[in-house]
C-alpha atoms as a PDB file:
ATOM      1  CA  UNK A   1      -6.171 -12.342  74.947  1.00  0.00           C
ATOM      2  CA  UNK A   2      -9.703 -11.860  76.359  1.00  0.00           C
ATOM      3  CA  UNK A   3     -11.289  -8.437  76.038  1.00  0.00           C
ATOM      4  CA  UNK A   4     -10.684  -6.423  79.240  1.00  0.00           C
ATOM      5  CA  UNK A   5     -14.304  -5.274  79.341  1.00  0.00           C
ATOM      6  CA  UNK A   6     -15.513  -8.899  79.324  1.00  0.00           C
ATOM      7  CA  UNK A   7     -13.196  -9.697  82.225  1.00  0.00           C
ATOM      8  CA  UNK A   8     -14.536  -6.685  84.132  1.00  0.00           C
ATOM      9  CA  UNK A   9     -18.115  -7.792  83.505  1.00  0.00           C
ATOM     10  CA  UNK A  10     -17.275 -11.293  84.730  1.00  0.00           C
ATOM     11  CA  UNK A  11     -15.574  -9.995  87.872  1.00  0.00           C
ATOM     12  CA  UNK A  12     -18.465  -7.645  88.616  1.00  0.00           C
ATOM     13  CA  UNK A  13     -21.090 -10.375  88.237  1.00  0.00           C
ATOM     14  CA  UNK A  14     -19.005 -12.812  90.288  1.00  0.00           C
ATOM     15  CA  UNK A  15     -18.637 -10.394  93.196  1.00  0.00           C
ATOM     16  CA  UNK A  16     -22.331  -9.489  93.156  1.00  0.00           C
ATOM     17  CA  UNK A  17     -23.340 -13.160  92.979  1.00  0.00           C
ATOM     18  CA  UNK A  18     -21.124 -14.015  95.931  1.00  0.00           C
ATOM     19  CA  UNK A  19     -22.516 -11.075  97.900  1.00  0.00           C
ATOM     20  CA  UNK A  20     -26.072 -12.199  97.126  1.00  0.00           C
ATOM     21  CA  UNK A  21     -25.361 -15.598  98.709  1.00  0.00           C
ATOM     22  CA  UNK A  22     -25.109 -13.854 102.099  1.00  0.00           C
ATOM     23  CA  UNK A  23     -28.630 -12.360 101.760  1.00  0.00           C
ATOM     24  CA  UNK A  24     -27.491  -8.729 101.944  1.00  0.00           C
ATOM     25  CA  UNK A  25     -30.938  -7.199 102.364  1.00  0.00           C
ATOM     26  CA  UNK A  26     -31.403  -8.997 105.680  1.00  0.00           C
ATOM     27  CA  UNK A  27     -29.142  -6.316 107.197  1.00  0.00           C
ATOM     28  CA  UNK A  28     -31.939  -3.811 106.709  1.00  0.00           C
ATOM     29  CA  UNK A  29     -34.006  -5.608 109.320  1.00  0.00           C
ATOM     30  CA  UNK A  30     -31.716  -3.790 111.731  1.00  0.00           C
ATOM     31  CA  UNK A  31     -33.693  -0.550 112.028  1.00  0.00           C
ATOM     32  CA  UNK A  32     -30.776   1.683 113.160  1.00  0.00           C
ATOM     33  CA  UNK A  33     -29.016   0.929 109.837  1.00  0.00           C
ATOM     34  CA  UNK A  34     -31.936   1.942 107.638  1.00  0.00           C
ATOM     35  CA  UNK A  35     -31.510   5.724 107.819  1.00  0.00           C
ATOM     36  CA  UNK A  36     -27.716   5.806 107.228  1.00  0.00           C
ATOM     37  CA  UNK A  37     -28.142   3.335 104.366  1.00  0.00           C
ATOM     38  CA  UNK A  38     -30.761   5.569 102.737  1.00  0.00           C
ATOM     39  CA  UNK A  39     -28.503   8.582 103.323  1.00  0.00           C
ATOM     40  CA  UNK A  40     -25.684   6.788 101.491  1.00  0.00           C
ATOM     41  CA  UNK A  41     -28.007   6.130  98.526  1.00  0.00           C
ATOM     42  CA  UNK A  42     -28.770   9.859  98.353  1.00  0.00           C
ATOM     43  CA  UNK A  43     -25.280  11.276  98.959  1.00  0.00           C
ATOM     44  CA  UNK A  44     -22.894   8.917  97.157  1.00  0.00           C
ATOM     45  CA  UNK A  45     -24.277   9.305  93.601  1.00  0.00           C
ATOM     46  CA  UNK A  46     -23.536  13.038  93.767  1.00  0.00           C
ATOM     47  CA  UNK A  47     -19.871  12.373  94.516  1.00  0.00           C
ATOM     48  CA  UNK A  48     -19.638   9.762  91.768  1.00  0.00           C
ATOM     49  CA  UNK A  49     -21.439  12.034  89.320  1.00  0.00           C
ATOM     50  CA  UNK A  50     -19.151  14.966  90.042  1.00  0.00           C
ATOM     51  CA  UNK A  51     -16.098  12.813  89.385  1.00  0.00           C
ATOM     52  CA  UNK A  52     -17.541  11.497  86.128  1.00  0.00           C
ATOM     53  CA  UNK A  53     -18.147  15.053  84.932  1.00  0.00           C
ATOM     54  CA  UNK A  54     -14.461  16.101  84.995  1.00  0.00           C
ATOM     55  CA  UNK A  55     -13.080  17.079  81.597  1.00  0.00           C
ATOM     56  CA  UNK A  56      -9.539  15.755  81.972  1.00  0.00           C
ATOM     57  CA  UNK A  57     -10.566  12.159  81.415  1.00  0.00           C
ATOM     58  CA  UNK A  58      -9.008  11.131  84.724  1.00  0.00           C
ATOM     59  CA  UNK A  59     -11.458   9.564  87.126  1.00  0.00           C
ATOM     60  CA  UNK A  60     -10.339  10.469  90.614  1.00  0.00           C
ATOM     61  CA  UNK A  61     -13.239  10.171  92.996  1.00  0.00           C
ATOM     62  CA  UNK A  62     -14.244   9.519  96.564  1.00  0.00           C
ATOM     63  CA  UNK A  63     -16.000   6.172  96.404  1.00  0.00           C
ATOM     64  CA  UNK A  64     -17.358   5.784  99.942  1.00  0.00           C
ATOM     65  CA  UNK A  65     -17.233   2.007  99.465  1.00  0.00           C
ATOM     66  CA  UNK A  66     -14.988   1.290 102.449  1.00  0.00           C
ATOM     67  CA  UNK A  67     -17.126   3.336 104.820  1.00  0.00           C
ATOM     68  CA  UNK A  68     -20.216   1.587 103.476  1.00  0.00           C
ATOM     69  CA  UNK A  69     -18.662  -1.806 104.249  1.00  0.00           C
ATOM     70  CA  UNK A  70     -18.079  -0.766 107.859  1.00  0.00           C
ATOM     71  CA  UNK A  71     -21.619   0.592 108.166  1.00  0.00           C
ATOM     72  CA  UNK A  72     -23.775  -2.076 106.530  1.00  0.00           C
ATOM     73  CA  UNK A  73     -21.426  -4.989 105.873  1.00  0.00           C
ATOM     74  CA  UNK A  74     -19.786  -6.144 102.652  1.00  0.00           C
ATOM     75  CA  UNK A  75     -22.739  -7.952 100.986  1.00  0.00           C
ATOM     76  CA  UNK A  76     -25.170  -5.043 101.301  1.00  0.00           C
ATOM     77  CA  UNK A  77     -22.450  -2.512 100.470  1.00  0.00           C
ATOM     78  CA  UNK A  78     -21.754  -4.302  97.169  1.00  0.00           C
ATOM     79  CA  UNK A  79     -25.379  -4.250  96.083  1.00  0.00           C
ATOM     80  CA  UNK A  80     -25.890  -0.689  97.286  1.00  0.00           C
ATOM     81  CA  UNK A  81     -23.042   0.413  95.027  1.00  0.00           C
ATOM     82  CA  UNK A  82     -24.951  -0.798  91.945  1.00  0.00           C
ATOM     83  CA  UNK A  83     -27.575   2.005  91.970  1.00  0.00           C
ATOM     84  CA  UNK A  84     -24.887   4.423  93.180  1.00  0.00           C
ATOM     85  CA  UNK A  85     -22.765   3.684  90.091  1.00  0.00           C
ATOM     86  CA  UNK A  86     -25.744   3.876  87.717  1.00  0.00           C
ATOM     87  CA  UNK A  87     -27.036   7.141  89.174  1.00  0.00           C
ATOM     88  CA  UNK A  88     -23.559   8.638  89.427  1.00  0.00           C
ATOM     89  CA  UNK A  89     -22.787   7.842  85.796  1.00  0.00           C
ATOM     90  CA  UNK A  90     -26.109   9.258  84.645  1.00  0.00           C
ATOM     91  CA  UNK A  91     -25.752  12.407  86.769  1.00  0.00           C
ATOM     92  CA  UNK A  92     -22.265  12.936  85.370  1.00  0.00           C
ATOM     93  CA  UNK A  93     -23.605  12.865  81.831  1.00  0.00           C
ATOM     94  CA  UNK A  94     -21.541   9.810  80.921  1.00  0.00           C
ATOM     95  CA  UNK A  95     -22.636   6.740  78.907  1.00  0.00           C
ATOM     96  CA  UNK A  96     -24.187   4.121  81.156  1.00  0.00           C
ATOM     97  CA  UNK A  97     -21.818   1.566  79.639  1.00  0.00           C
ATOM     98  CA  UNK A  98     -19.101   3.121  81.803  1.00  0.00           C
ATOM     99  CA  UNK A  99     -21.044   2.309  84.962  1.00  0.00           C
ATOM    100  CA  UNK A 100     -19.562  -1.200  85.099  1.00  0.00           C
ATOM    101  CA  UNK A 101     -16.019   0.170  85.067  1.00  0.00           C
ATOM    102  CA  UNK A 102     -16.845   2.612  87.878  1.00  0.00           C
ATOM    103  CA  UNK A 103     -18.763   0.003  89.851  1.00  0.00           C
ATOM    104  CA  UNK A 104     -15.903  -2.483  89.729  1.00  0.00           C
ATOM    105  CA  UNK A 105     -12.851  -0.292  90.258  1.00  0.00           C
ATOM    106  CA  UNK A 106     -14.263   2.450  92.485  1.00  0.00           C
ATOM    107  CA  UNK A 107     -16.864   0.383  94.310  1.00  0.00           C
ATOM    108  CA  UNK A 108     -16.592  -3.398  94.448  1.00  0.00           C
ATOM    109  CA  UNK A 109     -12.780  -3.625  94.326  1.00  0.00           C
ATOM    110  CA  UNK A 110     -12.068  -1.229  97.237  1.00  0.00           C
ATOM    111  CA  UNK A 111     -15.014  -2.654  99.179  1.00  0.00           C
ATOM    112  CA  UNK A 112     -13.684  -6.209  98.822  1.00  0.00           C
ATOM    113  CA  UNK A 113     -10.104  -5.197  99.610  1.00  0.00           C
ATOM    114  CA  UNK A 114     -11.335  -3.322 102.691  1.00  0.00           C
ATOM    115  CA  UNK A 115     -13.223  -6.442 103.790  1.00  0.00           C
ATOM    116  CA  UNK A 116     -10.180  -8.703 103.389  1.00  0.00           C
ATOM    117  CA  UNK A 117      -7.905  -6.230 105.166  1.00  0.00           C
ATOM    118  CA  UNK A 118     -10.466  -5.879 107.945  1.00  0.00           C
ATOM    119  CA  UNK A 119     -10.660  -9.640 108.394  1.00  0.00           C
ATOM    120  CA  UNK A 120      -6.860  -9.782 108.649  1.00  0.00           C
ATOM    121  CA  UNK A 121      -6.904  -7.011 111.252  1.00  0.00           C
ATOM    122  CA  UNK A 122      -9.524  -8.865 113.300  1.00  0.00           C
ATOM    123  CA  UNK A 123      -7.494 -12.065 113.048  1.00  0.00           C
ATOM    124  CA  UNK A 124      -4.029 -10.754 113.830  1.00  0.00           C
ATOM    125  CA  UNK A 125      -4.446  -7.563 115.885  1.00  0.00           C
ATOM    126  CA  UNK A 126      -5.985  -7.005 119.328  1.00  0.00           C
ATOM    127  CA  UNK A 127      -9.689  -6.209 119.643  1.00  0.00           C
ATOM    128  CA  UNK A 128      -9.085  -2.624 120.686  1.00  0.00           C
ATOM    129  CA  UNK A 129     -11.097   0.514 119.938  1.00  0.00           C
ATOM    130  CA  UNK A 130      -8.192   2.336 118.286  1.00  0.00           C
ATOM    131  CA  UNK A 131      -7.290  -0.739 116.247  1.00  0.00           C
ATOM    132  CA  UNK A 132     -10.803  -0.654 114.808  1.00  0.00           C
ATOM    133  CA  UNK A 133     -10.773   3.093 114.086  1.00  0.00           C
ATOM    134  CA  UNK A 134      -7.212   3.387 112.782  1.00  0.00           C
ATOM    135  CA  UNK A 135      -6.919  -0.111 111.321  1.00  0.00           C
ATOM    136  CA  UNK A 136     -10.265  -0.629 109.633  1.00  0.00           C
ATOM    137  CA  UNK A 137     -11.356   2.993 109.277  1.00  0.00           C
ATOM    138  CA  UNK A 138      -8.070   4.553 108.162  1.00  0.00           C
ATOM    139  CA  UNK A 139      -5.364   2.131 106.999  1.00  0.00           C
ATOM    140  CA  UNK A 140      -7.702  -0.451 105.417  1.00  0.00           C
ATOM    141  CA  UNK A 141      -9.415   2.331 103.460  1.00  0.00           C
ATOM    142  CA  UNK A 142      -6.121   3.825 102.280  1.00  0.00           C
ATOM    143  CA  UNK A 143      -4.802   0.429 101.163  1.00  0.00           C
ATOM    144  CA  UNK A 144      -8.038  -0.549  99.421  1.00  0.00           C
ATOM    145  CA  UNK A 145      -8.625   2.711  97.529  1.00  0.00           C
ATOM    146  CA  UNK A 146      -4.986   3.197  96.545  1.00  0.00           C
ATOM    147  CA  UNK A 147      -4.595  -0.387  95.346  1.00  0.00           C
ATOM    148  CA  UNK A 148      -7.850  -0.496  93.360  1.00  0.00           C
ATOM    149  CA  UNK A 149      -7.131   2.853  91.720  1.00  0.00           C
ATOM    150  CA  UNK A 150      -3.564   1.896  90.858  1.00  0.00           C
ATOM    151  CA  UNK A 151      -4.605  -1.405  89.283  1.00  0.00           C
ATOM    152  CA  UNK A 152      -7.257   0.433  87.261  1.00  0.00           C
ATOM    153  CA  UNK A 153      -4.660   2.922  86.005  1.00  0.00           C
ATOM    154  CA  UNK A 154      -2.186   0.194  85.095  1.00  0.00           C
ATOM    155  CA  UNK A 155      -4.810  -1.783  83.156  1.00  0.00           C
ATOM    156  CA  UNK A 156      -6.521   1.116  81.405  1.00  0.00           C
ATOM    157  CA  UNK A 157      -3.640   3.543  81.068  1.00  0.00           C
ATOM    158  CA  UNK A 158      -3.929   7.301  81.406  1.00  0.00           C
ATOM    159  CA  UNK A 159      -5.887   9.781  79.271  1.00  0.00           C
ATOM    160  CA  UNK A 160      -4.052  11.506  76.452  1.00  0.00           C
ATOM    161  CA  UNK A 161      -1.828  14.272  77.748  1.00  0.00           C
ATOM    162  CA  UNK A 162      -1.646  12.825  81.270  1.00  0.00           C
ATOM    163  CA  UNK A 163       1.297  10.680  82.369  1.00  0.00           C
ATOM    164  CA  UNK A 164       0.618   7.316  84.009  1.00  0.00           C
ATOM    165  CA  UNK A 165       2.863   8.297  86.917  1.00  0.00           C
ATOM    166  CA  UNK A 166       0.672  11.344  87.539  1.00  0.00           C
ATOM    167  CA  UNK A 167      -2.425   9.147  87.531  1.00  0.00           C
ATOM    168  CA  UNK A 168      -0.883   6.820  90.094  1.00  0.00           C
ATOM    169  CA  UNK A 169       0.076   9.752  92.320  1.00  0.00           C
ATOM    170  CA  UNK A 170      -3.472  11.062  92.005  1.00  0.00           C
ATOM    171  CA  UNK A 171      -4.963   7.739  93.074  1.00  0.00           C
ATOM    172  CA  UNK A 172      -2.648   7.513  96.060  1.00  0.00           C
ATOM    173  CA  UNK A 173      -3.421  11.062  97.146  1.00  0.00           C
ATOM    174  CA  UNK A 174      -7.161  10.606  96.886  1.00  0.00           C
ATOM    175  CA  UNK A 175      -6.860   7.247  98.644  1.00  0.00           C
ATOM    176  CA  UNK A 176      -5.206   8.815 101.667  1.00  0.00           C
ATOM    177  CA  UNK A 177      -7.726  11.658 101.559  1.00  0.00           C
ATOM    178  CA  UNK A 178     -10.601   9.184 101.653  1.00  0.00           C
ATOM    179  CA  UNK A 179      -8.865   7.266 104.440  1.00  0.00           C
ATOM    180  CA  UNK A 180      -8.707  10.437 106.554  1.00  0.00           C
ATOM    181  CA  UNK A 181     -12.402  11.170 105.922  1.00  0.00           C
ATOM    182  CA  UNK A 182     -13.483   7.593 106.585  1.00  0.00           C
ATOM    183  CA  UNK A 183     -11.411   7.340 109.754  1.00  0.00           C
ATOM    184  CA  UNK A 184     -12.851  10.604 111.053  1.00  0.00           C
ATOM    185  CA  UNK A 185     -16.439   9.552 110.329  1.00  0.00           C
ATOM    186  CA  UNK A 186     -15.888   6.126 111.880  1.00  0.00           C
ATOM    187  CA  UNK A 187     -14.458   7.699 115.035  1.00  0.00           C
ATOM    188  CA  UNK A 188     -17.471  10.030 115.227  1.00  0.00           C
ATOM    189  CA  UNK A 189     -19.933   7.178 114.777  1.00  0.00           C
ATOM    190  CA  UNK A 190     -18.164   5.002 117.342  1.00  0.00           C
ATOM    191  CA  UNK A 191     -18.505   7.834 119.842  1.00  0.00           C
ATOM    192  CA  UNK A 192     -22.057   8.979 119.087  1.00  0.00           C
ATOM    193  CA  UNK A 193     -23.814   6.464 116.792  1.00  0.00           C
ATOM    194  CA  UNK A 194     -22.202   3.029 117.183  1.00  0.00           C
ATOM    195  CA  UNK A 195     -25.475   1.455 116.032  1.00  0.00           C
ATOM    196  CA  UNK A 196     -24.703   2.811 112.548  1.00  0.00           C
ATOM    197  CA  UNK A 197     -21.701   0.493 112.257  1.00  0.00           C
ATOM    198  CA  UNK A 198     -22.635  -3.125 111.605  1.00  0.00           C
ATOM    199  CA  UNK A 199     -18.978  -4.158 112.000  1.00  0.00           C
ATOM    200  CA  UNK A 200     -18.562  -2.595 115.449  1.00  0.00           C
ATOM    201  CA  UNK A 201     -19.699  -3.677 118.912  1.00  0.00           C
ATOM    202  CA  UNK A 202     -18.792  -2.451 122.386  1.00  0.00           C
ATOM    203  CA  UNK A 203     -18.533  -6.062 123.537  1.00  0.00           C
ATOM    204  CA  UNK A 204     -15.728  -6.772 121.092  1.00  0.00           C
ATOM    205  CA  UNK A 205     -13.787  -3.511 121.117  1.00  0.00           C
ATOM    206  CA  UNK A 206     -14.485  -2.195 124.625  1.00  0.00           C
ATOM    207  CA  UNK A 207     -14.052  -5.241 126.838  1.00  0.00           C
ATOM    208  CA  UNK A 208     -14.769  -4.722 130.529  1.00  0.00           C
END
């Protein structure tokens, strides 16, 4: 059976290669997105670093990946998460070899799941303001973070002294917590800074 770490490396490189095809950095030509993107580069590594520094061995962290997808789009979000994972791992005092695991399971996986769920919402649900906020901001985030965390726990197991069931509960709790935060921030940006959301437009979600 192939080494799990090799599979994770392959998945990570595949996702980043696919994201690169869509020329992610072209999103930064949109000047209103530049400041929130830079803010994400400053803020997110601190959250990732704090999670990496916990002594229990359980990695339960707010990833911010789903919010980043809504703000700057999936391709740029994926590549932005690379320095976030590297800086977060370094700031947490962990070996940089663990950055790939964090990048994949707490960054690229929830970001990609949020994208796919968002596309399904756009395809099958009405183009309504509350569908965007609750569907893409809240429920898509909860589903993406909970699923990615649960798969990670099932593949890697739980640290010694911590039951797998407790790990799964922890991932689900933090997933719903991140969903609440993301939904709240998305609602605030829709109201006051819609230009910070590359996936939102008044024309689509506020038809005359």
